[in-house]
Protein backbone atom coordinates (compact mmCIF):
# COMPACT_ATOMS: atom_id res chain seq x y z
CA MET A 1 28.95 -17.99 -5.71
CA HIS A 2 26.89 -19.26 -8.30
CA HIS A 3 26.88 -22.30 -9.85
CA LEU A 4 25.76 -22.20 -13.18
CA LEU A 5 22.33 -23.35 -14.64
CA PRO A 6 21.33 -24.53 -17.98
CA ARG A 7 20.08 -21.60 -18.89
CA ASP A 8 23.19 -19.54 -18.46
CA VAL A 9 24.87 -21.57 -20.70
CA SER A 10 24.91 -19.04 -23.69
CA PRO A 11 25.58 -15.80 -21.93
CA ALA A 12 28.24 -17.89 -19.90
CA ALA A 13 29.66 -19.01 -23.30
CA ALA A 14 29.80 -15.70 -24.77
CA LEU A 15 31.63 -14.03 -22.46
CA LEU A 16 34.46 -16.49 -22.00
CA ALA A 17 34.69 -16.69 -26.06
CA ARG A 18 35.29 -12.50 -25.56
CA ALA A 19 37.41 -13.06 -22.57
CA PHE A 20 39.60 -15.77 -24.66
CA PHE A 21 39.66 -13.98 -28.42
CA SER A 22 42.72 -12.57 -27.51
CA ASP A 23 44.52 -16.13 -26.00
CA PRO A 24 47.34 -17.34 -27.42
CA LEU A 25 45.97 -21.29 -27.09
CA PHE A 26 42.36 -20.25 -28.87
CA GLY A 27 43.91 -18.14 -31.51
CA HIS A 28 46.14 -22.10 -31.75
CA PHE A 29 42.75 -23.89 -32.13
CA PHE A 30 41.10 -21.05 -34.01
CA PRO A 31 43.66 -19.09 -36.76
CA ASP A 32 40.51 -17.52 -37.69
CA PRO A 33 40.17 -14.09 -37.04
CA ALA A 34 37.01 -13.38 -38.04
CA ALA A 35 35.04 -17.24 -37.46
CA ARG A 36 36.87 -17.52 -33.82
CA LEU A 37 34.54 -15.66 -32.16
CA GLY A 38 31.42 -18.14 -33.16
CA GLN A 39 33.44 -21.27 -32.91
CA LEU A 40 34.63 -20.38 -29.32
CA GLU A 41 30.94 -19.39 -28.79
CA ALA A 42 30.07 -23.04 -29.53
CA LEU A 43 32.77 -24.38 -28.00
CA PHE A 44 32.08 -23.10 -24.73
CA ALA A 45 28.66 -23.80 -24.76
CA PHE A 46 29.24 -27.49 -25.70
CA ARG A 47 31.52 -27.58 -22.75
CA LEU A 48 29.61 -25.88 -20.53
CA ARG A 49 26.81 -27.73 -20.79
CA ASN A 50 29.30 -31.43 -20.36
CA GLU A 51 30.92 -30.02 -17.71
CA LEU A 52 27.94 -27.41 -16.25
CA ASP A 53 28.43 -29.47 -12.47
CA ASN A 54 31.76 -27.38 -12.21
CA ALA A 55 31.07 -24.03 -13.25
CA TYR A 56 30.76 -21.31 -11.63
CA ALA A 57 30.00 -17.21 -11.86
CA PRO A 58 30.12 -14.66 -8.76
CA THR A 59 26.92 -14.74 -9.19
CA SER A 60 23.77 -14.90 -11.50
CA ALA A 61 24.94 -11.84 -13.11
CA LEU A 62 28.03 -13.83 -14.66
CA GLU A 63 30.75 -10.67 -14.35
CA GLY A 64 32.85 -14.07 -14.31
CA LEU A 65 33.58 -17.76 -14.67
CA ALA A 66 35.50 -20.80 -12.87
CA LEU A 67 35.39 -23.81 -14.50
CA TRP A 68 37.19 -26.59 -12.05
CA GLN A 69 37.16 -30.40 -11.37
CA LEU A 70 37.58 -32.15 -8.15
CA PRO A 71 40.45 -34.19 -7.50
CA ARG A 72 39.83 -37.81 -8.70
CA GLY A 73 37.71 -35.87 -11.65
CA HIS A 74 40.30 -35.47 -14.18
CA LYS A 75 40.12 -37.31 -17.28
CA PRO A 76 37.64 -36.24 -20.38
CA ARG A 77 34.58 -37.18 -19.93
CA LEU A 78 32.02 -37.80 -22.75
CA ASN A 79 28.80 -38.53 -21.85
CA PRO A 80 27.02 -40.43 -24.25
CA ALA A 81 23.55 -38.21 -24.41
CA ALA A 82 26.66 -35.33 -25.53
CA LEU A 83 27.45 -36.91 -28.95
CA PRO A 84 24.66 -35.15 -30.90
CA ARG A 85 25.81 -31.89 -29.24
CA ALA A 86 29.78 -32.85 -30.55
CA LEU A 87 28.71 -33.81 -33.70
CA ALA A 88 27.31 -30.24 -34.26
CA LEU A 89 30.20 -28.73 -32.43
CA ALA A 90 32.55 -29.83 -34.85
CA LEU A 91 30.28 -28.68 -38.02
CA LYS A 92 30.63 -25.52 -36.06
CA ALA A 93 34.20 -25.66 -35.66
CA GLY A 94 35.49 -27.71 -37.61
CA TRP A 95 37.33 -30.53 -37.95
CA GLN A 96 40.78 -29.59 -38.30
CA PRO A 97 39.96 -26.92 -35.14
CA LEU A 98 39.35 -30.12 -32.78
CA GLN A 99 42.08 -31.68 -34.02
CA ARG A 100 44.43 -29.71 -31.99
CA MET A 101 42.57 -29.22 -29.30
CA ILE A 102 42.50 -33.07 -29.34
CA HIS A 103 46.49 -33.22 -29.77
CA PHE A 104 46.42 -30.21 -27.08
CA GLN A 105 44.22 -32.03 -24.70
CA ARG A 106 46.81 -35.17 -24.81
CA TRP A 107 50.00 -34.03 -24.71
CA SER A 108 48.48 -31.45 -21.26
CA MET A 109 47.18 -34.10 -19.86
CA ALA A 110 50.41 -36.65 -19.99
CA LEU A 111 52.55 -33.31 -19.23
CA ARG A 112 50.21 -32.84 -16.30
CA ASP A 113 50.34 -36.23 -15.20
CA THR A 114 54.45 -35.87 -15.23
CA LEU A 115 53.90 -32.71 -12.87
CA VAL A 116 51.27 -33.58 -9.55
CA ARG A 117 49.18 -37.09 -9.23
CA ASP A 118 45.44 -37.36 -7.62
CA PRO A 119 44.16 -35.68 -5.69
CA TYR A 120 43.91 -32.41 -6.57
CA VAL A 121 42.28 -29.71 -8.06
CA TYR A 122 42.03 -28.80 -11.26
CA LEU A 123 41.17 -25.48 -11.82
CA ASP A 124 40.58 -25.40 -16.22
CA MET A 125 39.50 -22.36 -16.86
CA LEU A 126 38.97 -18.31 -14.73
CA ALA A 127 37.94 -15.42 -16.63
CA VAL A 128 36.40 -12.29 -15.81
CA ALA A 129 34.19 -10.42 -17.97
CA PRO A 130 35.97 -6.66 -19.31
CA ALA A 131 33.99 -5.03 -18.20
CA PHE A 132 33.97 -5.95 -14.88
CA GLN A 133 37.51 -6.36 -14.58
CA ARG A 134 40.00 -5.14 -11.41
CA GLN A 135 36.60 -5.58 -9.54
CA GLY A 136 37.88 -8.13 -7.12
CA PHE A 137 35.69 -10.96 -9.58
CA ALA A 138 38.93 -13.22 -9.62
CA ARG A 139 39.49 -12.79 -6.31
CA GLN A 140 35.84 -14.06 -5.80
CA LEU A 141 36.03 -16.72 -8.19
CA LEU A 142 39.61 -17.78 -6.46
CA MET A 143 39.09 -18.60 -3.24
CA PRO A 144 36.50 -20.76 -2.64
CA ILE A 145 38.27 -23.02 -4.97
CA LEU A 146 41.33 -22.67 -3.10
CA LYS A 147 39.64 -22.42 0.61
CA MET A 148 38.22 -26.32 0.00
CA ALA A 149 41.28 -27.50 -1.82
CA ASP A 150 42.65 -26.19 2.09
CA ASP A 151 40.21 -27.58 3.87
CA LEU A 152 40.54 -31.19 1.61
CA GLY A 153 44.57 -30.79 2.51
CA VAL A 154 45.36 -31.19 -1.37
CA PRO A 155 47.10 -28.64 -4.07
CA VAL A 156 45.23 -26.56 -6.70
CA TYR A 157 46.92 -26.90 -10.30
CA LEU A 158 46.58 -24.70 -13.34
CA GLU A 159 48.25 -24.26 -16.85
CA THR A 160 48.47 -21.05 -18.51
CA GLN A 161 49.19 -20.47 -21.78
CA ASN A 162 48.47 -16.12 -21.28
CA ARG A 163 51.64 -14.66 -19.51
CA ARG A 164 49.96 -11.79 -17.64
CA ASN A 165 47.83 -14.17 -15.90
CA ILE A 166 50.89 -15.20 -14.09
CA ASP A 167 50.79 -12.44 -11.71
CA ILE A 168 47.49 -12.69 -11.08
CA TYR A 169 47.95 -16.31 -10.22
CA THR A 170 51.26 -15.69 -7.55
CA HIS A 171 50.01 -13.57 -6.54
CA PHE A 172 47.54 -16.13 -5.18
CA GLY A 173 49.97 -18.33 -4.13
CA PHE A 174 50.85 -20.29 -7.28
CA SER A 175 54.08 -21.55 -7.88
CA VAL A 176 55.34 -22.03 -12.02
CA VAL A 177 56.46 -25.45 -11.83
CA HIS A 178 57.44 -25.75 -15.67
CA ARG A 179 57.40 -23.98 -18.48
CA THR A 180 57.03 -24.66 -21.79
CA ARG A 181 56.39 -24.47 -25.42
CA LEU A 182 53.41 -26.31 -27.60
CA PRO A 183 54.78 -29.06 -29.83
CA GLU A 184 54.28 -27.74 -33.45
CA ALA A 185 53.23 -24.53 -32.53
CA THR A 186 54.71 -21.28 -31.17
CA VAL A 187 53.07 -20.33 -27.84
CA GLU A 188 53.85 -20.76 -24.34
CA HIS A 189 52.75 -23.33 -22.03
CA TYR A 190 53.04 -22.65 -18.04
CA CYS A 191 52.11 -24.72 -15.31
CA LEU A 192 51.04 -23.12 -11.69
CA TYR A 193 51.14 -24.74 -8.53
CA LYS A 194 50.11 -24.15 -5.14
CA ARG A 195 49.45 -26.17 -2.18
């Protein structure tokens, strides 16, 4: 596993932007397809800089990326030094998309609190670049997380809004524990859990 370095942020953000371009949740956040790629790159660059300690790729070639949180580290945090970057993100991505994201974050965290209790590992996101899909890179990203959780004796929790992802995660032992629809949207929200 390659722990992301500051120099990896831009290419990793571009990878995530391409991977999540057609994802229903990010389509909800950024409804204009013409602007979405740039908005996603700005969002993911901001997130990676703020959460670099939790970002991993299979190798330094960045075939994919996993962003996860250790037990008891699940509350959103914004380093005060990141405030200028947060303002730059708001200018690049737009205020309405950011409001939709904040609304979603509050809603999903409240839902998560009803479904799982700390300690647990949270798999925030996982993506493999299209050119590297079906080559075992998702497994390379998932297995260390699952082993760490097993060693700690804690479950792993994740959410997806893409129905196609469920088969991938159930293959690794996850079960769907809740399914709902985002408030004021047509996006399905699936909550998965692995003990």
